[in-house]
Amino acid sequence: MEKECFFSGYCRQLDGSRVVEAVLENGKLTEVDCCYGSCIYESSCPIAAEIQKAQEE
């Protein structure tokens, strides 16, 4: 089952707030419109934390 999710928060790389769209298929991330997975700020990113949480649900 495909699920489209939207997450908003502060992006340190862009130095501003933004909305990120992510697509999950059976709990696995298949698409995301940010640098999730390779961003150097991912460990402190509130958006990345929400994406991770969505994958665990």
PDB file of N, CA and C in Angstrom:
ATOM      1  N   MET A   1       0.825  -1.176   0.000  1.00  0.00           N
ATOM      2  CA  MET A   1       0.000   0.000   0.000  1.00  0.00           C
ATOM      3  C   MET A   1       0.876   1.249   0.000  1.00  0.00           C
ATOM      4  N   GLU A   2       0.560   2.186  -0.851  1.00  0.00           N
ATOM      5  CA  GLU A   2       1.325   3.421  -0.951  1.00  0.00           C
ATOM      6  C   GLU A   2       0.696   4.502  -0.083  1.00  0.00           C
ATOM      7  N   LYS A   3       1.538   5.233   0.623  1.00  0.00           N
ATOM      8  CA  LYS A   3       1.076   6.294   1.509  1.00  0.00           C
ATOM      9  C   LYS A   3       1.903   7.545   1.245  1.00  0.00           C
ATOM     10  N   GLU A   4       1.228   8.650   0.991  1.00  0.00           N
ATOM     11  CA  GLU A   4       1.898   9.919   0.760  1.00  0.00           C
ATOM     12  C   GLU A   4       1.839  10.733   2.046  1.00  0.00           C
ATOM     13  N   CYS A   5       2.985  11.229   2.484  1.00  0.00           N
ATOM     14  CA  CYS A   5       3.072  11.971   3.740  1.00  0.00           C
ATOM     15  C   CYS A   5       3.715  13.333   3.497  1.00  0.00           C
ATOM     16  N   PHE A   6       3.327  14.299   4.304  1.00  0.00           N
ATOM     17  CA  PHE A   6       3.922  15.626   4.242  1.00  0.00           C
ATOM     18  C   PHE A   6       4.445  15.988   5.623  1.00  0.00           C
ATOM     19  N   PHE A   7       5.663  16.484   5.670  1.00  0.00           N
ATOM     20  CA  PHE A   7       6.300  16.864   6.923  1.00  0.00           C
ATOM     21  C   PHE A   7       6.793  18.299   6.792  1.00  0.00           C
ATOM     22  N   SER A   8       6.617  19.074   7.839  1.00  0.00           N
ATOM     23  CA  SER A   8       7.105  20.448   7.796  1.00  0.00           C
ATOM     24  C   SER A   8       7.998  20.708   8.991  1.00  0.00           C
ATOM     25  N   GLY A   9       8.924  21.620   8.811  1.00  0.00           N
ATOM     26  CA  GLY A   9       9.845  21.966   9.877  1.00  0.00           C
ATOM     27  C   GLY A   9      10.988  22.796   9.342  1.00  0.00           C
ATOM     28  N   TYR A  10      11.953  23.034  10.197  1.00  0.00           N
ATOM     29  CA  TYR A  10      13.113  23.836   9.837  1.00  0.00           C
ATOM     30  C   TYR A  10      14.153  22.981   9.131  1.00  0.00           C
ATOM     31  N   CYS A  11      14.627  23.468   8.002  1.00  0.00           N
ATOM     32  CA  CYS A  11      15.694  22.803   7.252  1.00  0.00           C
ATOM     33  C   CYS A  11      16.969  23.626   7.408  1.00  0.00           C
ATOM     34  N   ARG A  12      17.939  23.047   8.064  1.00  0.00           N
ATOM     35  CA  ARG A  12      19.200  23.771   8.305  1.00  0.00           C
ATOM     36  C   ARG A  12      19.971  23.986   7.008  1.00  0.00           C
ATOM     37  N   GLN A  13      19.902  23.034   6.102  1.00  0.00           N
ATOM     38  CA  GLN A  13      20.621  23.154   4.835  1.00  0.00           C
ATOM     39  C   GLN A  13      20.103  24.348   4.031  1.00  0.00           C
ATOM     40  N   LEU A  14      18.786  24.558   4.040  1.00  0.00           N
ATOM     41  CA  LEU A  14      18.188  25.696   3.333  1.00  0.00           C
ATOM     42  C   LEU A  14      18.089  26.935   4.217  1.00  0.00           C
ATOM     43  N   ASP A  15      18.320  26.756   5.523  1.00  0.00           N
ATOM     44  CA  ASP A  15      18.204  27.815   6.523  1.00  0.00           C
ATOM     45  C   ASP A  15      16.816  28.449   6.488  1.00  0.00           C
ATOM     46  N   GLY A  16      15.813  27.591   6.528  1.00  0.00           N
ATOM     47  CA  GLY A  16      14.437  28.072   6.535  1.00  0.00           C
ATOM     48  C   GLY A  16      13.474  26.925   6.713  1.00  0.00           C
ATOM     49  N   SER A  17      12.211  27.281   6.830  1.00  0.00           N
ATOM     50  CA  SER A  17      11.210  26.231   6.976  1.00  0.00           C
ATOM     51  C   SER A  17      10.806  25.709   5.604  1.00  0.00           C
ATOM     52  N   ARG A  18      10.357  24.467   5.585  1.00  0.00           N
ATOM     53  CA  ARG A  18       9.913  23.878   4.329  1.00  0.00           C
ATOM     54  C   ARG A  18       8.993  22.707   4.598  1.00  0.00           C
ATOM     55  N   VAL A  19       8.309  22.289   3.547  1.00  0.00           N
ATOM     56  CA  VAL A  19       7.445  21.118   3.582  1.00  0.00           C
ATOM     57  C   VAL A  19       8.091  20.068   2.691  1.00  0.00           C
ATOM     58  N   VAL A  20       8.187  18.854   3.211  1.00  0.00           N
ATOM     59  CA  VAL A  20       8.799  17.746   2.483  1.00  0.00           C
ATOM     60  C   VAL A  20       7.727  16.698   2.206  1.00  0.00           C
ATOM     61  N   GLU A  21       7.674  16.236   0.971  1.00  0.00           N
ATOM     62  CA  GLU A  21       6.755  15.170   0.598  1.00  0.00           C
ATOM     63  C   GLU A  21       7.525  13.859   0.578  1.00  0.00           C
ATOM     64  N   ALA A  22       6.940  12.833   1.155  1.00  0.00           N
ATOM     65  CA  ALA A  22       7.553  11.504   1.165  1.00  0.00           C
ATOM     66  C   ALA A  22       6.508  10.472   0.774  1.00  0.00           C
ATOM     67  N   VAL A  23       6.964   9.450   0.071  1.00  0.00           N
ATOM     68  CA  VAL A  23       6.081   8.353  -0.318  1.00  0.00           C
ATOM     69  C   VAL A  23       6.603   7.089   0.339  1.00  0.00           C
ATOM     70  N   LEU A  24       5.712   6.411   1.064  1.00  0.00           N
ATOM     71  CA  LEU A  24       6.053   5.156   1.722  1.00  0.00           C
ATOM     72  C   LEU A  24       5.243   4.042   1.079  1.00  0.00           C
ATOM     73  N   GLU A  25       5.913   2.959   0.744  1.00  0.00           N
ATOM     74  CA  GLU A  25       5.234   1.768   0.232  1.00  0.00           C
ATOM     75  C   GLU A  25       5.519   0.629   1.188  1.00  0.00           C
ATOM     76  N   ASN A  26       4.463   0.151   1.843  1.00  0.00           N
ATOM     77  CA  ASN A  26       4.578  -0.908   2.845  1.00  0.00           C
ATOM     78  C   ASN A  26       5.597  -0.549   3.933  1.00  0.00           C
ATOM     79  N   GLY A  27       5.595   0.719   4.345  1.00  0.00           N
ATOM     80  CA  GLY A  27       6.482   1.168   5.406  1.00  0.00           C
ATOM     81  C   GLY A  27       7.893   1.504   4.971  1.00  0.00           C
ATOM     82  N   LYS A  28       8.208   1.334   3.696  1.00  0.00           N
ATOM     83  CA  LYS A  28       9.552   1.637   3.173  1.00  0.00           C
ATOM     84  C   LYS A  28       9.502   2.940   2.393  1.00  0.00           C
ATOM     85  N   LEU A  29      10.459   3.800   2.630  1.00  0.00           N
ATOM     86  CA  LEU A  29      10.548   5.075   1.927  1.00  0.00           C
ATOM     87  C   LEU A  29      10.967   4.830   0.485  1.00  0.00           C
ATOM     88  N   THR A  30      10.150   5.281  -0.467  1.00  0.00           N
ATOM     89  CA  THR A  30      10.476   5.098  -1.880  1.00  0.00           C
ATOM     90  C   THR A  30      10.804   6.413  -2.576  1.00  0.00           C
ATOM     91  N   GLU A  31      10.234   7.517  -2.085  1.00  0.00           N
ATOM     92  CA  GLU A  31      10.496   8.834  -2.661  1.00  0.00           C
ATOM     93  C   GLU A  31      10.478   9.874  -1.557  1.00  0.00           C
ATOM     94  N   VAL A  32      11.338  10.874  -1.694  1.00  0.00           N
ATOM     95  CA  VAL A  32      11.354  12.009  -0.771  1.00  0.00           C
ATOM     96  C   VAL A  32      11.939  13.200  -1.526  1.00  0.00           C
ATOM     97  N   ASP A  33      11.378  14.384  -1.332  1.00  0.00           N
ATOM     98  CA  ASP A  33      11.857  15.540  -2.082  1.00  0.00           C
ATOM     99  C   ASP A  33      12.809  16.434  -1.278  1.00  0.00           C
ATOM    100  N   CYS A  34      13.665  15.794  -0.511  1.00  0.00           N
ATOM    101  CA  CYS A  34      14.760  16.502   0.161  1.00  0.00           C
ATOM    102  C   CYS A  34      15.981  15.582   0.130  1.00  0.00           C
ATOM    103  N   CYS A  35      17.027  15.947   0.818  1.00  0.00           N
ATOM    104  CA  CYS A  35      18.271  15.163   0.801  1.00  0.00           C
ATOM    105  C   CYS A  35      18.300  14.082   1.882  1.00  0.00           C
ATOM    106  N   TYR A  36      17.132  13.662   2.355  1.00  0.00           N
ATOM    107  CA  TYR A  36      17.071  12.639   3.400  1.00  0.00           C
ATOM    108  C   TYR A  36      17.889  11.418   2.982  1.00  0.00           C
ATOM    109  N   GLY A  37      18.729  10.970   3.880  1.00  0.00           N
ATOM    110  CA  GLY A  37      19.590   9.828   3.588  1.00  0.00           C
ATOM    111  C   GLY A  37      21.019  10.236   3.285  1.00  0.00           C
ATOM    112  N   SER A  38      21.206  11.496   2.875  1.00  0.00           N
ATOM    113  CA  SER A  38      22.560  11.954   2.566  1.00  0.00           C
ATOM    114  C   SER A  38      22.855  13.356   3.097  1.00  0.00           C
ATOM    115  N   CYS A  39      21.906  13.960   3.786  1.00  0.00           N
ATOM    116  CA  CYS A  39      22.089  15.317   4.307  1.00  0.00           C
ATOM    117  C   CYS A  39      23.041  15.305   5.505  1.00  0.00           C
ATOM    118  N   ILE A  40      23.963  16.241   5.532  1.00  0.00           N
ATOM    119  CA  ILE A  40      24.925  16.289   6.639  1.00  0.00           C
ATOM    120  C   ILE A  40      24.282  16.741   7.947  1.00  0.00           C
ATOM    121  N   TYR A  41      23.104  17.345   7.880  1.00  0.00           N
ATOM    122  CA  TYR A  41      22.408  17.808   9.075  1.00  0.00           C
ATOM    123  C   TYR A  41      21.316  16.845   9.531  1.00  0.00           C
ATOM    124  N   GLU A  42      21.229  15.691   8.928  1.00  0.00           N
ATOM    125  CA  GLU A  42      20.141  14.754   9.188  1.00  0.00           C
ATOM    126  C   GLU A  42      20.007  14.361  10.662  1.00  0.00           C
ATOM    127  N   SER A  43      21.108  14.224  11.365  1.00  0.00           N
ATOM    128  CA  SER A  43      21.043  13.783  12.765  1.00  0.00           C
ATOM    129  C   SER A  43      20.336  14.792  13.669  1.00  0.00           C
ATOM    130  N   SER A  44      20.275  16.055  13.266  1.00  0.00           N
ATOM    131  CA  SER A  44      19.606  17.067  14.079  1.00  0.00           C
ATOM    132  C   SER A  44      18.375  17.654  13.381  1.00  0.00           C
ATOM    133  N   CYS A  45      17.926  17.021  12.326  1.00  0.00           N
ATOM    134  CA  CYS A  45      16.829  17.543  11.516  1.00  0.00           C
ATOM    135  C   CYS A  45      15.473  17.064  12.034  1.00  0.00           C
ATOM    136  N   PRO A  46      14.558  17.988  12.350  1.00  0.00           N
ATOM    137  CA  PRO A  46      13.235  17.574  12.816  1.00  0.00           C
ATOM    138  C   PRO A  46      12.415  16.886  11.721  1.00  0.00           C
ATOM    139  N   ILE A  47      12.633  17.250  10.485  1.00  0.00           N
ATOM    140  CA  ILE A  47      11.920  16.609   9.373  1.00  0.00           C
ATOM    141  C   ILE A  47      12.407  15.171   9.207  1.00  0.00           C
ATOM    142  N   ALA A  48      13.703  14.955   9.280  1.00  0.00           N
ATOM    143  CA  ALA A  48      14.263  13.602   9.177  1.00  0.00           C
ATOM    144  C   ALA A  48      13.740  12.717  10.310  1.00  0.00           C
ATOM    145  N   ALA A  49      13.599  13.288  11.488  1.00  0.00           N
ATOM    146  CA  ALA A  49      13.073  12.533  12.627  1.00  0.00           C
ATOM    147  C   ALA A  49      11.631  12.093  12.362  1.00  0.00           C
ATOM    148  N   GLU A  50      10.841  12.960  11.757  1.00  0.00           N
ATOM    149  CA  GLU A  50       9.458  12.622  11.434  1.00  0.00           C
ATOM    150  C   GLU A  50       9.390  11.559  10.337  1.00  0.00           C
ATOM    151  N   ILE A  51      10.281  11.639   9.364  1.00  0.00           N
ATOM    152  CA  ILE A  51      10.332  10.626   8.300  1.00  0.00           C
ATOM    153  C   ILE A  51      10.689   9.271   8.900  1.00  0.00           C
ATOM    154  N   GLN A  52      11.674   9.251   9.784  1.00  0.00           N
ATOM    155  CA  GLN A  52      12.081   8.012  10.439  1.00  0.00           C
ATOM    156  C   GLN A  52      10.932   7.420  11.251  1.00  0.00           C
ATOM    157  N   LYS A  53      10.227   8.278  11.964  1.00  0.00           N
ATOM    158  CA  LYS A  53       9.087   7.836  12.778  1.00  0.00           C
ATOM    159  C   LYS A  53       7.986   7.232  11.898  1.00  0.00           C
ATOM    160  N   ALA A  54       7.732   7.843  10.751  1.00  0.00           N
ATOM    161  CA  ALA A  54       6.701   7.341   9.842  1.00  0.00           C
ATOM    162  C   ALA A  54       7.066   5.976   9.289  1.00  0.00           C
ATOM    163  N   GLN A  55       8.350   5.723   9.060  1.00  0.00           N
ATOM    164  CA  GLN A  55       8.794   4.435   8.552  1.00  0.00           C
ATOM    165  C   GLN A  55       8.637   3.332   9.599  1.00  0.00           C
ATOM    166  N   GLU A  56       8.736   3.701  10.878  1.00  0.00           N
ATOM    167  CA  GLU A  56       8.637   2.730  11.963  1.00  0.00           C
ATOM    168  C   GLU A  56       7.195   2.353  12.297  1.00  0.00           C
ATOM    169  N   GLU A  57       6.251   3.181  11.894  1.00  0.00           N
ATOM    170  CA  GLU A  57       4.834   2.922  12.205  1.00  0.00           C
ATOM    171  C   GLU A  57       4.264   1.837  11.338  1.00  0.00           C
TER     172      GLU A  57
END
